[in-house]
């Protein structure tokens, strides 16, 4: 058996992770395994994201912030005191949209604009103590919902799922950061 085939049948791959079956055959619908798996992943992630967005809307909006404002506040806290450009990049939004979101957080007392101590021309955004408290309150509530969601799963499944999702996020960030914002036609489109 070749080394390549041994790796496909071993209990772990070179990184110590369980392998996924390497199937290179065409499916009855004419799609290859990778395309089929990508369609399945897209469908599952779309459903999950949609559920979370609607769940978040009902769970977060009761705190007088939108889901976007909540994500922005969380990003401001996580990044420290980002510039508007840094926050816009983190949120995958344009600067004008991000500026409006920050304006609303400032009006509500959850964030403030401050001069950069090293360069007074640069404006940074930071959370207020009330903004941090609000973010922590919302996160605690959402973590409790996650606990209820995964309580019936085996610990190994819970941990593997979190690792897989984190890995997908890293891979997506890597690919998205190398792509321009211009729409591209998919292969085979006219």
N, C-alpha and C. Protein backbone atom coordinates (compact mmCIF):
# COMPACT_ATOMS: atom_id res chain seq x y z
N UNK A 1 0.85 -1.17 0.00
CA UNK A 1 0.00 0.00 0.00
C UNK A 1 0.90 1.23 0.00
N UNK A 2 0.56 2.21 -0.82
CA UNK A 2 1.39 3.42 -0.89
C UNK A 2 1.18 4.26 0.35
N UNK A 3 2.16 5.18 0.61
CA UNK A 3 2.03 6.08 1.76
C UNK A 3 0.76 6.91 1.66
N UNK A 4 0.41 7.29 0.46
CA UNK A 4 -0.79 8.10 0.25
C UNK A 4 -2.04 7.33 0.69
N UNK A 5 -2.13 6.05 0.31
CA UNK A 5 -3.28 5.25 0.69
C UNK A 5 -3.26 4.90 2.17
N UNK A 6 -2.06 4.71 2.74
CA UNK A 6 -1.97 4.44 4.17
C UNK A 6 -2.56 5.60 4.95
N UNK A 7 -2.25 6.82 4.54
CA UNK A 7 -2.75 7.99 5.24
C UNK A 7 -4.28 8.07 5.19
N UNK A 8 -4.87 7.58 4.09
CA UNK A 8 -6.32 7.62 3.96
C UNK A 8 -7.01 6.65 4.90
N UNK A 9 -6.32 5.57 5.26
CA UNK A 9 -6.96 4.56 6.08
C UNK A 9 -6.49 4.57 7.53
N UNK A 10 -5.49 5.38 7.86
CA UNK A 10 -4.98 5.40 9.23
C UNK A 10 -5.99 6.08 10.15
N UNK A 11 -5.82 5.86 11.45
CA UNK A 11 -6.75 6.43 12.42
C UNK A 11 -6.56 7.92 12.60
N UNK A 12 -5.37 8.44 12.31
CA UNK A 12 -5.13 9.88 12.38
C UNK A 12 -4.25 10.29 11.22
N UNK A 13 -4.31 11.58 10.87
CA UNK A 13 -3.45 12.08 9.81
C UNK A 13 -2.15 12.59 10.42
N UNK A 14 -1.33 13.26 9.61
CA UNK A 14 -0.02 13.71 10.09
C UNK A 14 -0.11 14.74 11.21
N UNK A 15 -1.27 15.40 11.36
CA UNK A 15 -1.45 16.38 12.43
C UNK A 15 -2.15 15.77 13.64
N UNK A 16 -2.35 14.43 13.62
CA UNK A 16 -2.99 13.76 14.73
C UNK A 16 -4.51 13.90 14.75
N UNK A 17 -5.09 14.36 13.63
CA UNK A 17 -6.53 14.53 13.54
C UNK A 17 -7.13 13.32 12.84
N UNK A 18 -8.36 12.95 13.19
CA UNK A 18 -8.98 11.84 12.46
C UNK A 18 -9.20 12.25 11.01
N UNK A 19 -8.88 11.35 10.08
CA UNK A 19 -9.03 11.71 8.67
C UNK A 19 -10.50 11.66 8.25
N UNK A 20 -10.80 12.39 7.23
CA UNK A 20 -12.11 12.29 6.61
C UNK A 20 -11.91 11.39 5.40
N UNK A 21 -12.91 10.58 5.05
CA UNK A 21 -12.72 9.67 3.92
C UNK A 21 -12.39 10.45 2.65
N UNK A 22 -11.40 9.98 1.95
CA UNK A 22 -10.99 10.63 0.70
C UNK A 22 -11.71 9.92 -0.43
N UNK A 23 -12.77 10.53 -0.91
CA UNK A 23 -13.57 9.94 -1.97
C UNK A 23 -13.40 10.79 -3.21
N UNK A 24 -12.92 10.18 -4.28
CA UNK A 24 -12.68 10.92 -5.51
C UNK A 24 -13.63 10.49 -6.62
N UNK A 25 -14.66 9.77 -6.28
CA UNK A 25 -15.57 9.27 -7.31
C UNK A 25 -16.69 10.27 -7.56
N UNK A 26 -17.22 10.22 -8.78
CA UNK A 26 -18.35 11.09 -9.11
C UNK A 26 -19.61 10.54 -8.46
N UNK A 27 -20.48 11.41 -8.05
CA UNK A 27 -21.75 11.01 -7.45
C UNK A 27 -22.76 10.77 -8.57
N UNK A 28 -23.86 10.08 -8.28
CA UNK A 28 -24.86 9.81 -9.31
C UNK A 28 -25.41 11.09 -9.97
N UNK A 29 -25.42 12.20 -9.23
CA UNK A 29 -25.95 13.44 -9.82
C UNK A 29 -24.90 14.16 -10.67
N UNK A 30 -23.74 13.55 -10.88
CA UNK A 30 -22.71 14.12 -11.73
C UNK A 30 -21.72 15.01 -10.99
N UNK A 31 -21.94 15.28 -9.74
CA UNK A 31 -21.04 16.14 -8.97
C UNK A 31 -19.93 15.28 -8.37
N UNK A 32 -18.75 15.87 -8.25
CA UNK A 32 -17.70 15.13 -7.58
C UNK A 32 -17.88 15.29 -6.07
N UNK A 33 -17.13 14.53 -5.30
CA UNK A 33 -17.29 14.51 -3.84
C UNK A 33 -17.02 15.87 -3.22
N UNK A 34 -15.99 16.57 -3.69
CA UNK A 34 -15.67 17.88 -3.11
C UNK A 34 -16.81 18.86 -3.33
N UNK A 35 -17.35 18.90 -4.55
CA UNK A 35 -18.47 19.81 -4.82
C UNK A 35 -19.67 19.45 -3.97
N UNK A 36 -19.96 18.16 -3.88
CA UNK A 36 -21.10 17.71 -3.06
C UNK A 36 -20.89 18.14 -1.60
N UNK A 37 -19.70 17.90 -1.08
CA UNK A 37 -19.41 18.27 0.32
C UNK A 37 -19.50 19.78 0.51
N UNK A 38 -19.03 20.56 -0.48
CA UNK A 38 -19.09 22.02 -0.38
C UNK A 38 -20.54 22.49 -0.38
N UNK A 39 -21.39 21.86 -1.18
CA UNK A 39 -22.81 22.21 -1.20
C UNK A 39 -23.45 21.88 0.15
N UNK A 40 -23.13 20.71 0.67
CA UNK A 40 -23.66 20.31 1.98
C UNK A 40 -23.20 21.27 3.08
N UNK A 41 -21.92 21.65 3.06
CA UNK A 41 -21.39 22.58 4.06
C UNK A 41 -22.07 23.94 3.93
N UNK A 42 -22.18 24.43 2.69
CA UNK A 42 -22.83 25.73 2.45
C UNK A 42 -24.26 25.72 2.99
N UNK A 43 -24.99 24.67 2.71
CA UNK A 43 -26.37 24.57 3.17
C UNK A 43 -26.45 24.54 4.70
N UNK A 44 -25.61 23.72 5.32
CA UNK A 44 -25.63 23.61 6.78
C UNK A 44 -25.22 24.93 7.44
N UNK A 45 -24.15 25.56 6.94
CA UNK A 45 -23.71 26.83 7.52
C UNK A 45 -24.74 27.93 7.30
N UNK A 46 -25.35 27.97 6.13
CA UNK A 46 -26.39 28.97 5.86
C UNK A 46 -27.54 28.83 6.83
N UNK A 47 -27.99 27.60 7.06
CA UNK A 47 -29.07 27.36 8.01
C UNK A 47 -28.66 27.78 9.42
N UNK A 48 -27.45 27.40 9.83
CA UNK A 48 -26.98 27.74 11.17
C UNK A 48 -26.84 29.25 11.35
N UNK A 49 -26.24 29.91 10.39
CA UNK A 49 -26.06 31.36 10.47
C UNK A 49 -27.41 32.07 10.52
N UNK A 50 -28.33 31.64 9.69
CA UNK A 50 -29.67 32.25 9.69
C UNK A 50 -30.34 32.07 11.04
N UNK A 51 -30.27 30.87 11.61
CA UNK A 51 -30.86 30.64 12.94
C UNK A 51 -30.21 31.53 13.99
N UNK A 52 -28.90 31.64 13.95
CA UNK A 52 -28.20 32.47 14.93
C UNK A 52 -28.52 33.94 14.76
N UNK A 53 -28.62 34.40 13.52
CA UNK A 53 -28.94 35.82 13.31
C UNK A 53 -30.31 36.15 13.86
N UNK A 54 -31.29 35.29 13.62
CA UNK A 54 -32.63 35.56 14.14
C UNK A 54 -32.68 35.37 15.64
N UNK A 55 -31.97 34.37 16.15
CA UNK A 55 -31.92 34.19 17.59
C UNK A 55 -31.25 35.40 18.23
N UNK A 56 -30.13 35.83 17.66
CA UNK A 56 -29.41 36.97 18.22
C UNK A 56 -30.28 38.22 18.19
N UNK A 57 -31.04 38.40 17.11
CA UNK A 57 -31.88 39.59 17.01
C UNK A 57 -32.84 39.66 18.18
N UNK A 58 -33.47 38.55 18.53
CA UNK A 58 -34.44 38.58 19.63
C UNK A 58 -33.75 38.62 20.99
N UNK A 59 -32.55 38.08 21.10
CA UNK A 59 -31.85 38.05 22.38
C UNK A 59 -31.07 39.33 22.66
N UNK A 60 -30.59 39.99 21.61
CA UNK A 60 -29.76 41.17 21.78
C UNK A 60 -30.59 42.44 21.77
N UNK A 61 -31.58 42.51 20.89
CA UNK A 61 -32.34 43.75 20.72
C UNK A 61 -33.07 44.16 21.99
N UNK A 62 -33.30 43.24 22.89
CA UNK A 62 -33.96 43.61 24.14
C UNK A 62 -33.03 44.47 25.00
N UNK A 63 -31.80 44.61 24.59
CA UNK A 63 -30.83 45.45 25.31
C UNK A 63 -30.65 46.80 24.61
N UNK A 64 -31.51 47.14 23.67
CA UNK A 64 -31.47 48.42 22.95
C UNK A 64 -30.22 48.58 22.08
N UNK A 65 -29.73 47.47 21.55
CA UNK A 65 -28.67 47.50 20.54
C UNK A 65 -29.04 46.51 19.46
N UNK A 66 -28.65 46.83 18.23
CA UNK A 66 -28.89 45.90 17.13
C UNK A 66 -27.82 44.82 17.14
N UNK A 67 -28.03 43.79 16.36
CA UNK A 67 -27.03 42.73 16.25
C UNK A 67 -25.72 43.32 15.73
N UNK A 68 -25.79 44.20 14.74
CA UNK A 68 -24.57 44.82 14.19
C UNK A 68 -23.87 45.65 15.25
N UNK A 69 -24.63 46.41 16.03
CA UNK A 69 -24.02 47.20 17.10
C UNK A 69 -23.36 46.30 18.14
N UNK A 70 -24.00 45.19 18.43
CA UNK A 70 -23.43 44.23 19.39
C UNK A 70 -22.13 43.64 18.86
N UNK A 71 -22.12 43.23 17.58
CA UNK A 71 -20.90 42.70 16.98
C UNK A 71 -19.80 43.76 16.98
N UNK A 72 -20.16 45.00 16.69
CA UNK A 72 -19.16 46.08 16.67
C UNK A 72 -18.61 46.32 18.07
N UNK A 73 -19.48 46.35 19.06
CA UNK A 73 -19.02 46.56 20.44
C UNK A 73 -18.09 45.44 20.87
N UNK A 74 -18.46 44.22 20.53
CA UNK A 74 -17.62 43.07 20.85
C UNK A 74 -16.26 43.19 20.16
N UNK A 75 -16.25 43.61 18.90
CA UNK A 75 -14.99 43.77 18.15
C UNK A 75 -14.14 44.89 18.75
N UNK A 76 -14.76 45.98 19.15
CA UNK A 76 -14.02 47.08 19.77
C UNK A 76 -13.33 46.59 21.04
N UNK A 77 -14.04 45.83 21.85
CA UNK A 77 -13.47 45.30 23.09
C UNK A 77 -12.34 44.32 22.78
N UNK A 78 -12.58 43.43 21.84
CA UNK A 78 -11.58 42.41 21.48
C UNK A 78 -10.31 43.04 20.89
N UNK A 79 -10.48 44.08 20.07
CA UNK A 79 -9.33 44.70 19.40
C UNK A 79 -8.61 45.72 20.28
N UNK A 80 -9.22 46.12 21.37
CA UNK A 80 -8.60 47.13 22.25
C UNK A 80 -9.20 48.48 21.96
N UNK A 81 -8.55 49.25 21.16
CA UNK A 81 -9.11 50.55 20.74
C UNK A 81 -8.74 50.75 19.27
N UNK A 82 -9.54 50.13 18.40
CA UNK A 82 -9.21 50.17 16.97
C UNK A 82 -9.52 51.53 16.34
N UNK A 83 -8.90 51.78 15.20
CA UNK A 83 -9.32 52.90 14.37
C UNK A 83 -10.58 52.49 13.64
N UNK A 84 -11.24 53.43 13.02
CA UNK A 84 -12.45 53.12 12.26
C UNK A 84 -12.12 52.14 11.13
N UNK A 85 -10.99 52.33 10.46
CA UNK A 85 -10.59 51.44 9.37
C UNK A 85 -10.38 50.02 9.89
N UNK A 86 -9.70 49.88 11.03
CA UNK A 86 -9.45 48.56 11.61
C UNK A 86 -10.77 47.87 11.98
N UNK A 87 -11.69 48.64 12.55
CA UNK A 87 -12.99 48.07 12.92
C UNK A 87 -13.77 47.66 11.68
N UNK A 88 -13.75 48.51 10.65
CA UNK A 88 -14.46 48.20 9.40
C UNK A 88 -13.91 46.91 8.80
N UNK A 89 -12.59 46.75 8.79
CA UNK A 89 -11.98 45.53 8.25
C UNK A 89 -12.39 44.31 9.06
N UNK A 90 -12.41 44.44 10.37
CA UNK A 90 -12.77 43.32 11.24
C UNK A 90 -14.22 42.90 11.01
N UNK A 91 -15.08 43.86 10.72
CA UNK A 91 -16.50 43.57 10.56
C UNK A 91 -16.91 43.33 9.11
N UNK A 92 -15.96 43.44 8.18
CA UNK A 92 -16.25 43.27 6.75
C UNK A 92 -17.33 44.25 6.29
N UNK A 93 -17.21 45.50 6.76
CA UNK A 93 -18.11 46.57 6.37
C UNK A 93 -17.30 47.71 5.77
N UNK A 94 -17.97 48.60 5.02
CA UNK A 94 -17.25 49.77 4.55
C UNK A 94 -17.16 50.79 5.69
N UNK A 95 -16.28 51.77 5.52
CA UNK A 95 -16.03 52.73 6.59
C UNK A 95 -17.26 53.57 6.91
N UNK A 96 -18.05 53.95 5.90
CA UNK A 96 -19.21 54.80 6.19
C UNK A 96 -20.26 54.05 7.01
N UNK A 97 -20.49 52.78 6.70
CA UNK A 97 -21.43 51.98 7.48
C UNK A 97 -20.90 51.79 8.90
N UNK A 98 -19.62 51.50 9.02
CA UNK A 98 -19.02 51.31 10.33
C UNK A 98 -19.10 52.60 11.14
N UNK A 99 -18.89 53.73 10.49
CA UNK A 99 -18.97 55.02 11.17
C UNK A 99 -20.37 55.24 11.74
N UNK A 100 -21.39 54.89 10.98
CA UNK A 100 -22.77 55.04 11.47
C UNK A 100 -23.03 54.12 12.67
N UNK A 101 -22.50 52.91 12.62
CA UNK A 101 -22.67 51.97 13.74
C UNK A 101 -21.97 52.54 14.98
N UNK A 102 -20.76 53.05 14.80
CA UNK A 102 -20.01 53.63 15.93
C UNK A 102 -20.77 54.85 16.46
N UNK A 103 -21.27 55.70 15.58
CA UNK A 103 -22.05 56.87 16.01
C UNK A 103 -23.19 56.45 16.93
N UNK A 104 -23.89 55.38 16.55
CA UNK A 104 -25.02 54.93 17.37
C UNK A 104 -24.54 54.40 18.73
N UNK A 105 -23.41 53.71 18.75
CA UNK A 105 -22.86 53.23 20.03
C UNK A 105 -22.42 54.39 20.91
N UNK A 106 -21.85 55.42 20.30
CA UNK A 106 -21.44 56.60 21.05
C UNK A 106 -22.67 57.31 21.63
N UNK A 107 -23.72 57.49 20.82
CA UNK A 107 -24.95 58.13 21.29
C UNK A 107 -25.56 57.39 22.47
N UNK A 108 -25.47 56.07 22.44
CA UNK A 108 -26.05 55.25 23.51
C UNK A 108 -25.12 55.12 24.72
N UNK A 109 -23.91 55.66 24.62
CA UNK A 109 -22.99 55.63 25.75
C UNK A 109 -22.19 54.34 25.89
N UNK A 110 -22.16 53.52 24.83
CA UNK A 110 -21.45 52.24 24.89
C UNK A 110 -20.02 52.33 24.36
N UNK A 111 -19.71 53.40 23.63
CA UNK A 111 -18.37 53.58 23.06
C UNK A 111 -18.06 55.07 23.02
N UNK A 112 -16.79 55.36 22.79
CA UNK A 112 -16.38 56.76 22.64
C UNK A 112 -15.20 56.82 21.67
N UNK A 113 -15.06 57.97 21.06
CA UNK A 113 -13.91 58.23 20.19
C UNK A 113 -12.87 58.95 21.03
N UNK A 114 -11.61 58.53 20.88
CA UNK A 114 -10.51 59.15 21.63
C UNK A 114 -9.33 59.37 20.69
N UNK A 115 -8.54 60.40 21.01
CA UNK A 115 -7.33 60.66 20.23
C UNK A 115 -6.29 59.60 20.57
N UNK A 116 -5.57 59.17 19.55
CA UNK A 116 -4.47 58.22 19.74
C UNK A 116 -3.37 58.94 20.52
N UNK A 117 -2.89 58.37 21.63
CA UNK A 117 -1.86 59.05 22.42
C UNK A 117 -0.55 59.27 21.65
N UNK A 118 -0.27 58.41 20.68
CA UNK A 118 0.97 58.53 19.91
C UNK A 118 0.84 59.51 18.75
N UNK A 119 -0.39 59.71 18.25
CA UNK A 119 -0.62 60.60 17.11
C UNK A 119 -2.01 61.20 17.26
N UNK A 120 -2.08 62.42 17.72
CA UNK A 120 -3.34 63.08 17.99
C UNK A 120 -4.26 63.23 16.80
N UNK A 121 -3.73 63.05 15.58
CA UNK A 121 -4.57 63.12 14.38
C UNK A 121 -5.38 61.85 14.18
N UNK A 122 -4.95 60.76 14.80
CA UNK A 122 -5.62 59.47 14.65
C UNK A 122 -6.68 59.33 15.73
N UNK A 123 -7.88 58.94 15.31
CA UNK A 123 -8.98 58.73 16.25
C UNK A 123 -9.17 57.24 16.45
N UNK A 124 -9.27 56.85 17.69
CA UNK A 124 -9.52 55.44 18.04
C UNK A 124 -10.89 55.33 18.68
N UNK A 125 -11.42 54.14 18.68
CA UNK A 125 -12.73 53.88 19.28
C UNK A 125 -12.50 52.93 20.44
N UNK A 126 -13.07 53.26 21.57
CA UNK A 126 -12.97 52.36 22.71
C UNK A 126 -14.33 52.20 23.36
N UNK A 127 -14.49 51.11 24.08
CA UNK A 127 -15.76 50.89 24.77
C UNK A 127 -15.74 51.65 26.08
N UNK A 128 -16.92 52.00 26.54
CA UNK A 128 -17.05 52.61 27.85
C UNK A 128 -17.22 51.48 28.87
N UNK A 129 -17.10 51.77 30.16
CA UNK A 129 -17.39 50.72 31.15
C UNK A 129 -18.81 50.15 30.97
N UNK A 130 -19.77 51.02 30.66
CA UNK A 130 -21.14 50.54 30.42
C UNK A 130 -21.23 49.65 29.19
N UNK A 131 -20.45 49.98 28.16
CA UNK A 131 -20.42 49.15 26.96
C UNK A 131 -19.85 47.77 27.23
N UNK A 132 -18.77 47.73 28.03
CA UNK A 132 -18.18 46.43 28.39
C UNK A 132 -19.16 45.61 29.22
N UNK A 133 -19.84 46.27 30.14
CA UNK A 133 -20.81 45.58 30.99
C UNK A 133 -21.95 45.01 30.14
N UNK A 134 -22.44 45.82 29.19
CA UNK A 134 -23.51 45.36 28.30
C UNK A 134 -23.04 44.16 27.47
N UNK A 135 -21.85 44.24 26.90
CA UNK A 135 -21.32 43.16 26.08
C UNK A 135 -21.19 41.88 26.89
N UNK A 136 -20.68 41.99 28.11
CA UNK A 136 -20.54 40.82 28.98
C UNK A 136 -21.90 40.22 29.33
N UNK A 137 -22.89 41.08 29.59
CA UNK A 137 -24.24 40.61 29.92
C UNK A 137 -24.83 39.82 28.75
N UNK A 138 -24.71 40.37 27.54
CA UNK A 138 -25.24 39.69 26.35
C UNK A 138 -24.49 38.38 26.12
N UNK A 139 -23.16 38.41 26.25
CA UNK A 139 -22.39 37.19 26.03
C UNK A 139 -22.73 36.11 27.04
N UNK A 140 -22.91 36.48 28.31
CA UNK A 140 -23.30 35.48 29.33
C UNK A 140 -24.61 34.82 28.96
N UNK A 141 -25.57 35.62 28.50
CA UNK A 141 -26.88 35.09 28.12
C UNK A 141 -26.73 34.13 26.93
N UNK A 142 -25.93 34.52 25.94
CA UNK A 142 -25.76 33.67 24.76
C UNK A 142 -25.00 32.39 25.09
N UNK A 143 -24.02 32.47 26.00
CA UNK A 143 -23.29 31.26 26.40
C UNK A 143 -24.22 30.29 27.12
N UNK A 144 -25.14 30.81 27.93
CA UNK A 144 -26.12 29.93 28.58
C UNK A 144 -26.97 29.21 27.54
N UNK A 145 -27.36 29.92 26.48
CA UNK A 145 -28.11 29.27 25.40
C UNK A 145 -27.27 28.19 24.72
N UNK A 146 -25.97 28.46 24.53
CA UNK A 146 -25.08 27.47 23.91
C UNK A 146 -24.97 26.23 24.81
N UNK A 147 -24.87 26.44 26.11
CA UNK A 147 -24.79 25.31 27.03
C UNK A 147 -26.01 24.42 26.90
N UNK A 148 -27.19 25.03 26.82
CA UNK A 148 -28.42 24.26 26.64
C UNK A 148 -28.40 23.50 25.32
N UNK A 149 -27.88 24.14 24.28
CA UNK A 149 -27.85 23.56 22.95
C UNK A 149 -26.96 22.32 22.89
N UNK A 150 -25.80 22.35 23.54
CA UNK A 150 -24.83 21.26 23.41
C UNK A 150 -24.80 20.30 24.59
N UNK A 151 -25.65 20.51 25.57
CA UNK A 151 -25.61 19.70 26.79
C UNK A 151 -25.75 18.20 26.52
N UNK A 152 -26.52 17.82 25.52
CA UNK A 152 -26.76 16.40 25.25
C UNK A 152 -25.70 15.75 24.37
N UNK A 153 -24.73 16.53 23.89
CA UNK A 153 -23.66 15.98 23.06
C UNK A 153 -22.55 15.45 23.95
N UNK A 154 -21.88 14.39 23.49
CA UNK A 154 -20.70 13.88 24.21
C UNK A 154 -19.63 14.97 24.25
N UNK A 155 -18.83 15.01 25.33
CA UNK A 155 -17.77 16.03 25.41
C UNK A 155 -16.84 16.03 24.21
N UNK A 156 -16.51 14.84 23.67
CA UNK A 156 -15.62 14.77 22.51
C UNK A 156 -16.25 15.46 21.29
N UNK A 157 -17.54 15.27 21.11
CA UNK A 157 -18.24 15.88 19.98
C UNK A 157 -18.29 17.39 20.16
N UNK A 158 -18.59 17.84 21.38
CA UNK A 158 -18.62 19.29 21.65
C UNK A 158 -17.28 19.92 21.33
N UNK A 159 -16.21 19.30 21.81
CA UNK A 159 -14.87 19.87 21.61
C UNK A 159 -14.45 19.80 20.14
N UNK A 160 -14.74 18.69 19.47
CA UNK A 160 -14.38 18.56 18.06
C UNK A 160 -15.16 19.56 17.21
N UNK A 161 -16.41 19.79 17.55
CA UNK A 161 -17.23 20.75 16.80
C UNK A 161 -16.65 22.16 16.94
N UNK A 162 -16.31 22.55 18.16
CA UNK A 162 -15.73 23.88 18.37
C UNK A 162 -14.42 24.03 17.61
N UNK A 163 -13.58 22.98 17.63
CA UNK A 163 -12.31 23.04 16.89
C UNK A 163 -12.53 23.13 15.39
N UNK A 164 -13.49 22.36 14.87
CA UNK A 164 -13.78 22.39 13.44
C UNK A 164 -14.28 23.77 13.01
N UNK A 165 -15.20 24.34 13.77
CA UNK A 165 -15.72 25.66 13.42
C UNK A 165 -14.61 26.70 13.48
N UNK A 166 -13.76 26.64 14.50
CA UNK A 166 -12.64 27.59 14.60
C UNK A 166 -11.70 27.43 13.40
N UNK A 167 -11.49 26.21 12.98
CA UNK A 167 -10.63 25.95 11.82
C UNK A 167 -11.26 26.50 10.53
N UNK A 168 -12.57 26.33 10.40
CA UNK A 168 -13.27 26.89 9.24
C UNK A 168 -13.17 28.42 9.24
N UNK A 169 -13.29 29.03 10.40
CA UNK A 169 -13.18 30.49 10.49
C UNK A 169 -11.80 30.94 10.05
N UNK A 170 -10.75 30.25 10.55
CA UNK A 170 -9.38 30.63 10.16
C UNK A 170 -9.18 30.48 8.65
N UNK A 171 -9.67 29.39 8.09
CA UNK A 171 -9.51 29.16 6.64
C UNK A 171 -10.28 30.22 5.85
N UNK A 172 -11.49 30.54 6.29
CA UNK A 172 -12.29 31.55 5.59
C UNK A 172 -11.63 32.92 5.68
N UNK A 173 -11.14 33.29 6.86
CA UNK A 173 -10.47 34.59 7.01
C UNK A 173 -9.26 34.67 6.09
N UNK A 174 -8.51 33.60 6.03
CA UNK A 174 -7.31 33.58 5.17
C UNK A 174 -7.70 33.81 3.71
N UNK A 175 -8.72 33.10 3.27
CA UNK A 175 -9.12 33.22 1.87
C UNK A 175 -9.79 34.56 1.58
N UNK A 176 -10.62 35.03 2.50
CA UNK A 176 -11.30 36.31 2.29
C UNK A 176 -10.32 37.46 2.29
N UNK A 177 -9.27 37.37 3.10
CA UNK A 177 -8.32 38.48 3.17
C UNK A 177 -7.49 38.60 1.89
N UNK A 178 -7.43 37.53 1.10
CA UNK A 178 -6.65 37.56 -0.14
C UNK A 178 -7.51 37.87 -1.37
N UNK A 179 -8.82 38.00 -1.18
CA UNK A 179 -9.71 38.26 -2.30
C UNK A 179 -10.10 39.73 -2.30
N UNK A 180 -10.23 40.28 -3.48
CA UNK A 180 -10.69 41.67 -3.57
C UNK A 180 -12.19 41.70 -3.33
N UNK A 181 -12.72 42.89 -3.10
CA UNK A 181 -14.14 43.06 -2.86
C UNK A 181 -14.96 43.04 -4.13
N UNK A 182 -14.34 42.82 -5.26
CA UNK A 182 -15.05 42.83 -6.52
C UNK A 182 -15.70 41.46 -6.74
N UNK A 183 -16.95 41.49 -7.20
CA UNK A 183 -17.64 40.24 -7.50
C UNK A 183 -16.94 39.54 -8.65
N UNK A 184 -16.78 38.24 -8.51
CA UNK A 184 -16.18 37.45 -9.58
C UNK A 184 -17.18 36.41 -10.01
N UNK A 185 -17.19 36.14 -11.30
CA UNK A 185 -18.06 35.09 -11.81
C UNK A 185 -17.48 33.74 -11.43
N UNK A 186 -18.37 32.82 -11.10
CA UNK A 186 -17.94 31.46 -10.80
C UNK A 186 -17.50 30.80 -12.09
N UNK A 187 -16.68 29.78 -11.94
CA UNK A 187 -16.20 29.06 -13.10
C UNK A 187 -17.38 28.54 -13.91
N UNK A 188 -17.36 28.75 -15.21
CA UNK A 188 -18.41 28.26 -16.09
C UNK A 188 -19.53 29.25 -16.32
N UNK A 189 -19.54 30.38 -15.60
CA UNK A 189 -20.57 31.39 -15.82
C UNK A 189 -20.16 32.30 -16.97
N UNK A 190 -21.13 32.81 -17.68
CA UNK A 190 -20.84 33.75 -18.77
C UNK A 190 -21.07 35.16 -18.32
